[in-house]
Every structure is written in structure tokens, then in C-alpha cells.
Amino acid sequence: MPDLRIEWDENKNESNKRKHGVSFEEAHTVFFDDWAILIEDEDPNEPEE
């Protein structure tokens, strides 16, 4: 993977931790996860359930 630099707003990070229980520090690790599985959305125009 090419070099990737991730920045975020600390106020939004705190809000995200309160709302979702996940910090951006933890969430950004998905971009470096060798075991991640990507699933393509077959119809991105279809409404969410």
C-alpha cells in the first residue's frame, strides 16, 4: 500500500467516541488490515434496508 497519512479533527474524534464507542485512532486501522474483506455493493443505487 502506498504511504497513507490520515488526519482528523479532534473534536469530531471525541464526538465519534461518545456516539459510536470507536475512536478514529482505532477506526483507521482498517486501512492497514491484511485480513480485511472488501465486499462490492452490487447496486449502490438501491435504497438501504
N, C-alpha and C. Protein backbone atom coordinates (compact mmCIF):
# COMPACT_ATOMS: atom_id res chain seq x y z
N MET A 1 0.85 -1.17 0.00
CA MET A 1 0.00 0.00 0.00
C MET A 1 0.89 1.23 0.00
N PRO A 2 0.54 2.24 -0.79
CA PRO A 2 1.32 3.47 -0.77
C PRO A 2 1.23 4.15 0.59
N ASP A 3 2.17 5.05 0.83
CA ASP A 3 2.13 5.80 2.09
C ASP A 3 0.78 6.48 2.23
N LEU A 4 0.21 6.37 3.40
CA LEU A 4 -1.10 6.93 3.65
C LEU A 4 -1.02 7.74 4.94
N ARG A 5 -1.38 9.00 4.85
CA ARG A 5 -1.40 9.87 6.02
C ARG A 5 -2.85 10.20 6.33
N ILE A 6 -3.26 9.94 7.56
CA ILE A 6 -4.65 10.17 7.95
C ILE A 6 -4.67 11.24 9.03
N GLU A 7 -5.51 12.25 8.82
CA GLU A 7 -5.70 13.32 9.80
C GLU A 7 -7.18 13.41 10.13
N TRP A 8 -7.49 13.87 11.34
CA TRP A 8 -8.88 14.07 11.72
C TRP A 8 -8.99 15.21 12.71
N ASP A 9 -10.18 15.72 12.83
CA ASP A 9 -10.50 16.78 13.77
C ASP A 9 -10.70 16.15 15.15
N GLU A 10 -9.98 16.62 16.15
CA GLU A 10 -10.04 16.02 17.48
C GLU A 10 -11.43 16.16 18.11
N ASN A 11 -12.13 17.27 17.86
CA ASN A 11 -13.49 17.41 18.39
C ASN A 11 -14.41 16.36 17.78
N LYS A 12 -14.28 16.11 16.48
CA LYS A 12 -15.09 15.08 15.81
C LYS A 12 -14.71 13.70 16.34
N ASN A 13 -13.44 13.49 16.63
CA ASN A 13 -12.98 12.22 17.18
C ASN A 13 -13.65 11.96 18.53
N GLU A 14 -13.68 12.97 19.39
CA GLU A 14 -14.33 12.83 20.70
C GLU A 14 -15.82 12.56 20.54
N SER A 15 -16.46 13.27 19.62
CA SER A 15 -17.88 13.05 19.35
C SER A 15 -18.13 11.63 18.86
N ASN A 16 -17.27 11.14 17.99
CA ASN A 16 -17.41 9.79 17.45
C ASN A 16 -17.26 8.74 18.55
N LYS A 17 -16.31 8.97 19.48
CA LYS A 17 -16.12 8.03 20.59
C LYS A 17 -17.37 7.97 21.46
N ARG A 18 -17.97 9.13 21.73
CA ARG A 18 -19.19 9.14 22.55
C ARG A 18 -20.36 8.49 21.81
N LYS A 19 -20.51 8.80 20.55
CA LYS A 19 -21.66 8.33 19.77
C LYS A 19 -21.56 6.86 19.38
N HIS A 20 -20.37 6.42 18.96
CA HIS A 20 -20.21 5.07 18.41
C HIS A 20 -19.31 4.16 19.24
N GLY A 21 -18.61 4.73 20.22
CA GLY A 21 -17.70 3.93 21.03
C GLY A 21 -16.43 3.53 20.31
N VAL A 22 -16.11 4.24 19.21
CA VAL A 22 -14.91 3.93 18.43
C VAL A 22 -14.17 5.23 18.13
N SER A 23 -12.88 5.24 18.44
CA SER A 23 -12.07 6.42 18.13
C SER A 23 -11.57 6.32 16.70
N PHE A 24 -11.17 7.46 16.15
CA PHE A 24 -10.57 7.46 14.82
C PHE A 24 -9.23 6.74 14.84
N GLU A 25 -8.52 6.79 15.98
CA GLU A 25 -7.25 6.07 16.10
C GLU A 25 -7.48 4.58 15.85
N GLU A 26 -8.56 4.05 16.42
CA GLU A 26 -8.88 2.63 16.23
C GLU A 26 -9.46 2.38 14.84
N ALA A 27 -10.36 3.24 14.40
CA ALA A 27 -11.06 3.01 13.13
C ALA A 27 -10.11 3.05 11.94
N HIS A 28 -9.08 3.88 11.97
CA HIS A 28 -8.20 4.00 10.80
C HIS A 28 -7.38 2.73 10.55
N THR A 29 -7.29 1.84 11.53
CA THR A 29 -6.51 0.62 11.34
C THR A 29 -7.08 -0.28 10.26
N VAL A 30 -8.35 -0.10 9.90
CA VAL A 30 -8.95 -0.91 8.84
C VAL A 30 -8.21 -0.74 7.52
N PHE A 31 -7.60 0.41 7.30
CA PHE A 31 -6.88 0.65 6.05
C PHE A 31 -5.57 -0.12 5.97
N PHE A 32 -5.12 -0.68 7.08
CA PHE A 32 -3.86 -1.41 7.13
C PHE A 32 -4.08 -2.88 7.51
N ASP A 33 -5.32 -3.35 7.48
CA ASP A 33 -5.66 -4.71 7.90
C ASP A 33 -5.49 -5.69 6.74
N ASP A 34 -4.47 -6.54 6.82
CA ASP A 34 -4.23 -7.54 5.77
C ASP A 34 -5.36 -8.57 5.69
N TRP A 35 -6.16 -8.69 6.73
CA TRP A 35 -7.23 -9.68 6.76
C TRP A 35 -8.60 -9.08 6.43
N ALA A 36 -8.64 -7.82 6.09
CA ALA A 36 -9.92 -7.17 5.77
C ALA A 36 -10.55 -7.80 4.53
N ILE A 37 -11.85 -7.90 4.54
CA ILE A 37 -12.61 -8.43 3.41
C ILE A 37 -13.43 -7.28 2.83
N LEU A 38 -13.25 -7.04 1.54
CA LEU A 38 -14.00 -5.99 0.85
C LEU A 38 -15.12 -6.64 0.06
N ILE A 39 -16.33 -6.14 0.23
CA ILE A 39 -17.50 -6.66 -0.48
C ILE A 39 -18.08 -5.52 -1.30
N GLU A 40 -18.11 -5.73 -2.61
CA GLU A 40 -18.62 -4.71 -3.51
C GLU A 40 -20.14 -4.61 -3.40
N ASP A 41 -20.64 -3.40 -3.39
CA ASP A 41 -22.08 -3.17 -3.39
C ASP A 41 -22.59 -3.40 -4.80
N GLU A 42 -23.41 -4.45 -4.98
CA GLU A 42 -23.87 -4.81 -6.32
C GLU A 42 -24.76 -3.76 -6.95
N ASP A 43 -25.53 -3.03 -6.13
CA ASP A 43 -26.40 -1.99 -6.66
C ASP A 43 -26.37 -0.79 -5.71
N PRO A 44 -25.40 0.10 -5.89
CA PRO A 44 -25.27 1.23 -4.97
C PRO A 44 -26.45 2.20 -5.01
N ASN A 45 -27.30 2.10 -6.03
CA ASN A 45 -28.46 3.00 -6.14
C ASN A 45 -29.69 2.45 -5.43
N GLU A 46 -29.62 1.20 -4.97
CA GLU A 46 -30.74 0.59 -4.26
C GLU A 46 -30.82 1.17 -2.85
N PRO A 47 -32.03 1.48 -2.37
CA PRO A 47 -32.15 2.05 -1.01
C PRO A 47 -31.66 1.07 0.06
N GLU A 48 -31.13 1.62 1.14
CA GLU A 48 -30.69 0.80 2.27
C GLU A 48 -31.90 0.23 2.99
N GLU A 49 -31.73 -0.95 3.57
CA GLU A 49 -32.82 -1.56 4.34
C GLU A 49 -32.79 -1.09 5.77
